Amino acid sequence: MSAALRLSVAFEREDDGRWIADVPEIPGVTAYGTTRGEAFAAVRKLALEVVAERLDRGEDVFSGHAGPAPAEPAPLSIEITPVAVAR
């Protein structure tokens, strides 16, 4: 049995042309890029690092607060999906 973690990425373009990518499910996981692709790559990397760190610490992935660790953790698959662009 595996647990799936589905995260979405919201994009917004700044007036200066930079792109902001944000993972709404994990507060604070936001990254910039000069292109939409760069912003997506940066926020995907950051999201994976935050998820891995919180799992290692036994924290809730979404809030960062400590919680009870499962007796036998299931394998985890993560799907990060880009969503609509805000202008």
N, C-alpha and C. Protein backbone atom coordinates (compact mmCIF):
# COMPACT_ATOMS: atom_id res chain seq x y z
N MET A 1 0.84 -1.18 0.00
CA MET A 1 0.00 0.00 0.00
C MET A 1 0.89 1.24 0.00
N SER A 2 0.54 2.21 -0.81
CA SER A 2 1.33 3.44 -0.84
C SER A 2 0.43 4.64 -0.60
N ALA A 3 1.02 5.67 -0.08
CA ALA A 3 0.31 6.92 0.16
C ALA A 3 0.71 7.89 -0.94
N ALA A 4 -0.25 8.58 -1.52
CA ALA A 4 0.05 9.56 -2.55
C ALA A 4 -0.14 10.96 -1.98
N LEU A 5 0.77 11.82 -2.29
CA LEU A 5 0.70 13.21 -1.87
C LEU A 5 0.59 14.04 -3.13
N ARG A 6 -0.56 14.66 -3.33
CA ARG A 6 -0.77 15.47 -4.53
C ARG A 6 -0.65 16.94 -4.15
N LEU A 7 0.26 17.61 -4.79
CA LEU A 7 0.47 19.03 -4.55
C LEU A 7 0.21 19.79 -5.85
N SER A 8 -0.34 20.98 -5.72
CA SER A 8 -0.55 21.81 -6.91
C SER A 8 0.41 22.99 -6.86
N VAL A 9 0.65 23.56 -8.00
CA VAL A 9 1.52 24.73 -8.10
C VAL A 9 0.73 25.84 -8.79
N ALA A 10 0.61 26.97 -8.11
CA ALA A 10 -0.07 28.13 -8.68
C ALA A 10 1.00 29.12 -9.16
N PHE A 11 0.76 29.72 -10.29
CA PHE A 11 1.72 30.67 -10.86
C PHE A 11 1.12 32.07 -10.92
N GLU A 12 2.00 33.03 -10.79
CA GLU A 12 1.62 34.43 -10.96
C GLU A 12 2.80 35.14 -11.60
N ARG A 13 2.50 36.09 -12.45
CA ARG A 13 3.57 36.84 -13.10
C ARG A 13 3.64 38.24 -12.50
N GLU A 14 4.82 38.62 -12.09
CA GLU A 14 5.06 39.94 -11.51
C GLU A 14 5.07 40.99 -12.63
N ASP A 15 4.91 42.25 -12.25
CA ASP A 15 4.95 43.34 -13.22
C ASP A 15 6.30 43.43 -13.93
N ASP A 16 7.38 43.00 -13.23
CA ASP A 16 8.71 43.06 -13.83
C ASP A 16 9.02 41.85 -14.71
N GLY A 17 8.05 40.93 -14.87
CA GLY A 17 8.22 39.78 -15.75
C GLY A 17 8.61 38.49 -15.05
N ARG A 18 9.05 38.58 -13.79
CA ARG A 18 9.41 37.36 -13.06
C ARG A 18 8.16 36.53 -12.77
N TRP A 19 8.37 35.24 -12.63
CA TRP A 19 7.29 34.32 -12.30
C TRP A 19 7.41 33.88 -10.84
N ILE A 20 6.26 33.77 -10.18
CA ILE A 20 6.19 33.26 -8.82
C ILE A 20 5.44 31.94 -8.89
N ALA A 21 6.01 30.90 -8.28
CA ALA A 21 5.34 29.60 -8.19
C ALA A 21 5.12 29.32 -6.72
N ASP A 22 3.91 28.87 -6.38
CA ASP A 22 3.54 28.66 -4.98
C ASP A 22 2.82 27.32 -4.85
N VAL A 23 3.15 26.58 -3.78
CA VAL A 23 2.44 25.34 -3.47
C VAL A 23 1.47 25.67 -2.34
N PRO A 24 0.18 25.88 -2.66
CA PRO A 24 -0.78 26.33 -1.66
C PRO A 24 -0.96 25.37 -0.48
N GLU A 25 -0.75 24.07 -0.70
CA GLU A 25 -0.95 23.10 0.36
C GLU A 25 0.13 23.16 1.45
N ILE A 26 1.29 23.76 1.13
CA ILE A 26 2.38 23.85 2.10
C ILE A 26 2.78 25.32 2.24
N PRO A 27 2.27 25.99 3.27
CA PRO A 27 2.58 27.42 3.45
C PRO A 27 4.09 27.68 3.44
N GLY A 28 4.48 28.72 2.73
CA GLY A 28 5.88 29.12 2.68
C GLY A 28 6.66 28.49 1.55
N VAL A 29 6.07 27.55 0.83
CA VAL A 29 6.79 26.94 -0.29
C VAL A 29 6.47 27.75 -1.54
N THR A 30 7.34 28.72 -1.78
CA THR A 30 7.20 29.67 -2.88
C THR A 30 8.57 29.91 -3.49
N ALA A 31 8.63 30.02 -4.80
CA ALA A 31 9.90 30.27 -5.48
C ALA A 31 9.68 31.18 -6.67
N TYR A 32 10.75 31.85 -7.07
CA TYR A 32 10.74 32.75 -8.22
C TYR A 32 11.55 32.16 -9.35
N GLY A 33 11.28 32.63 -10.57
CA GLY A 33 12.08 32.28 -11.73
C GLY A 33 11.92 33.33 -12.80
N THR A 34 12.90 33.40 -13.69
CA THR A 34 12.79 34.36 -14.78
C THR A 34 11.80 33.86 -15.83
N THR A 35 11.57 32.54 -15.85
CA THR A 35 10.55 31.95 -16.72
C THR A 35 9.62 31.11 -15.85
N ARG A 36 8.48 30.75 -16.42
CA ARG A 36 7.52 29.89 -15.70
C ARG A 36 8.17 28.54 -15.41
N GLY A 37 8.93 28.02 -16.34
CA GLY A 37 9.61 26.74 -16.16
C GLY A 37 10.63 26.77 -15.04
N GLU A 38 11.40 27.86 -14.96
CA GLU A 38 12.38 27.99 -13.88
C GLU A 38 11.68 28.07 -12.52
N ALA A 39 10.59 28.82 -12.46
CA ALA A 39 9.85 28.94 -11.21
C ALA A 39 9.29 27.58 -10.80
N PHE A 40 8.77 26.82 -11.77
CA PHE A 40 8.22 25.50 -11.47
C PHE A 40 9.31 24.56 -10.96
N ALA A 41 10.46 24.55 -11.62
CA ALA A 41 11.56 23.67 -11.20
C ALA A 41 12.02 24.03 -9.79
N ALA A 42 12.12 25.32 -9.50
CA ALA A 42 12.58 25.76 -8.18
C ALA A 42 11.59 25.41 -7.08
N VAL A 43 10.29 25.61 -7.33
CA VAL A 43 9.30 25.32 -6.30
C VAL A 43 9.12 23.82 -6.13
N ARG A 44 9.26 23.05 -7.20
CA ARG A 44 9.18 21.59 -7.09
C ARG A 44 10.31 21.07 -6.21
N LYS A 45 11.52 21.57 -6.43
CA LYS A 45 12.68 21.17 -5.62
C LYS A 45 12.46 21.54 -4.16
N LEU A 46 12.02 22.76 -3.92
CA LEU A 46 11.78 23.21 -2.55
C LEU A 46 10.69 22.38 -1.88
N ALA A 47 9.61 22.09 -2.58
CA ALA A 47 8.52 21.29 -2.00
C ALA A 47 9.02 19.90 -1.61
N LEU A 48 9.79 19.28 -2.48
CA LEU A 48 10.32 17.95 -2.16
C LEU A 48 11.25 17.99 -0.96
N GLU A 49 12.08 19.03 -0.86
CA GLU A 49 12.98 19.16 0.29
C GLU A 49 12.19 19.35 1.59
N VAL A 50 11.16 20.19 1.55
CA VAL A 50 10.35 20.44 2.74
C VAL A 50 9.61 19.18 3.15
N VAL A 51 9.02 18.46 2.19
CA VAL A 51 8.30 17.23 2.50
C VAL A 51 9.25 16.21 3.11
N ALA A 52 10.42 16.02 2.51
CA ALA A 52 11.39 15.05 3.02
C ALA A 52 11.85 15.41 4.43
N GLU A 53 12.15 16.68 4.66
CA GLU A 53 12.60 17.12 5.98
C GLU A 53 11.52 16.90 7.03
N ARG A 54 10.29 17.23 6.71
CA ARG A 54 9.20 17.06 7.68
C ARG A 54 8.93 15.57 7.95
N LEU A 55 9.00 14.74 6.92
CA LEU A 55 8.82 13.31 7.14
C LEU A 55 9.93 12.75 8.02
N ASP A 56 11.18 13.18 7.78
CA ASP A 56 12.30 12.73 8.60
C ASP A 56 12.13 13.11 10.07
N ARG A 57 11.56 14.27 10.30
CA ARG A 57 11.36 14.76 11.67
C ARG A 57 10.08 14.24 12.32
N GLY A 58 9.26 13.52 11.55
CA GLY A 58 8.00 13.02 12.08
C GLY A 58 6.95 14.10 12.20
N GLU A 59 7.09 15.17 11.41
CA GLU A 59 6.15 16.28 11.44
C GLU A 59 5.07 16.08 10.38
N ASP A 60 3.96 16.76 10.58
CA ASP A 60 2.91 16.78 9.57
C ASP A 60 3.44 17.54 8.36
N VAL A 61 3.29 16.97 7.19
CA VAL A 61 3.82 17.58 5.97
C VAL A 61 3.23 18.95 5.72
N PHE A 62 1.93 19.11 6.01
CA PHE A 62 1.25 20.35 5.65
C PHE A 62 1.38 21.46 6.69
N SER A 63 1.49 21.11 7.96
CA SER A 63 1.55 22.16 8.98
C SER A 63 2.94 22.31 9.58
N GLY A 64 3.76 21.25 9.51
CA GLY A 64 5.08 21.30 10.12
C GLY A 64 5.06 20.96 11.60
N HIS A 65 3.89 20.66 12.16
CA HIS A 65 3.79 20.32 13.58
C HIS A 65 4.05 18.84 13.78
N ALA A 66 4.65 18.52 14.91
CA ALA A 66 4.93 17.13 15.22
C ALA A 66 3.62 16.38 15.42
N GLY A 67 3.59 15.18 14.96
CA GLY A 67 2.42 14.34 15.11
C GLY A 67 2.85 12.90 15.32
N PRO A 68 1.91 12.03 15.62
CA PRO A 68 2.30 10.64 15.83
C PRO A 68 2.78 10.01 14.53
N ALA A 69 3.89 9.31 14.61
CA ALA A 69 4.42 8.63 13.43
C ALA A 69 3.66 7.33 13.23
N PRO A 70 3.38 6.97 11.98
CA PRO A 70 2.69 5.71 11.74
C PRO A 70 3.57 4.54 12.18
N ALA A 71 2.93 3.46 12.62
CA ALA A 71 3.66 2.28 13.08
C ALA A 71 4.54 1.73 11.96
N GLU A 72 4.00 1.66 10.76
CA GLU A 72 4.77 1.19 9.61
C GLU A 72 4.47 2.12 8.44
N PRO A 73 5.38 3.03 8.14
CA PRO A 73 5.09 3.99 7.09
C PRO A 73 4.94 3.32 5.73
N ALA A 74 3.96 3.80 4.98
CA ALA A 74 3.73 3.30 3.63
C ALA A 74 4.66 4.03 2.66
N PRO A 75 5.00 3.38 1.55
CA PRO A 75 5.78 4.10 0.54
C PRO A 75 5.03 5.35 0.09
N LEU A 76 5.75 6.38 -0.25
CA LEU A 76 5.13 7.65 -0.60
C LEU A 76 5.42 8.00 -2.05
N SER A 77 4.39 8.34 -2.78
CA SER A 77 4.59 8.88 -4.13
C SER A 77 4.08 10.31 -4.12
N ILE A 78 4.80 11.17 -4.78
CA ILE A 78 4.44 12.59 -4.81
C ILE A 78 4.19 13.01 -6.25
N GLU A 79 3.06 13.67 -6.47
CA GLU A 79 2.72 14.19 -7.78
C GLU A 79 2.57 15.69 -7.63
N ILE A 80 3.35 16.45 -8.39
CA ILE A 80 3.27 17.91 -8.33
C ILE A 80 2.72 18.39 -9.67
N THR A 81 1.58 19.05 -9.63
CA THR A 81 0.87 19.43 -10.83
C THR A 81 0.78 20.94 -10.98
N PRO A 82 1.22 21.48 -12.11
CA PRO A 82 1.03 22.91 -12.34
C PRO A 82 -0.44 23.23 -12.55
N VAL A 83 -0.86 24.40 -12.10
CA VAL A 83 -2.26 24.82 -12.27
C VAL A 83 -2.29 26.14 -13.03
N ALA A 84 -3.46 26.72 -13.12
CA ALA A 84 -3.70 27.91 -13.92
C ALA A 84 -2.76 29.07 -13.56
N VAL A 85 -2.50 29.87 -14.54
CA VAL A 85 -1.64 31.05 -14.38
C VAL A 85 -2.49 32.26 -14.04
N ALA A 86 -2.09 32.97 -12.99
CA ALA A 86 -2.75 34.24 -12.64
C ALA A 86 -1.97 35.37 -13.28
N ARG A 87 -2.65 36.31 -13.83
CA ARG A 87 -1.94 37.45 -14.46
C ARG A 87 -2.21 38.72 -13.73
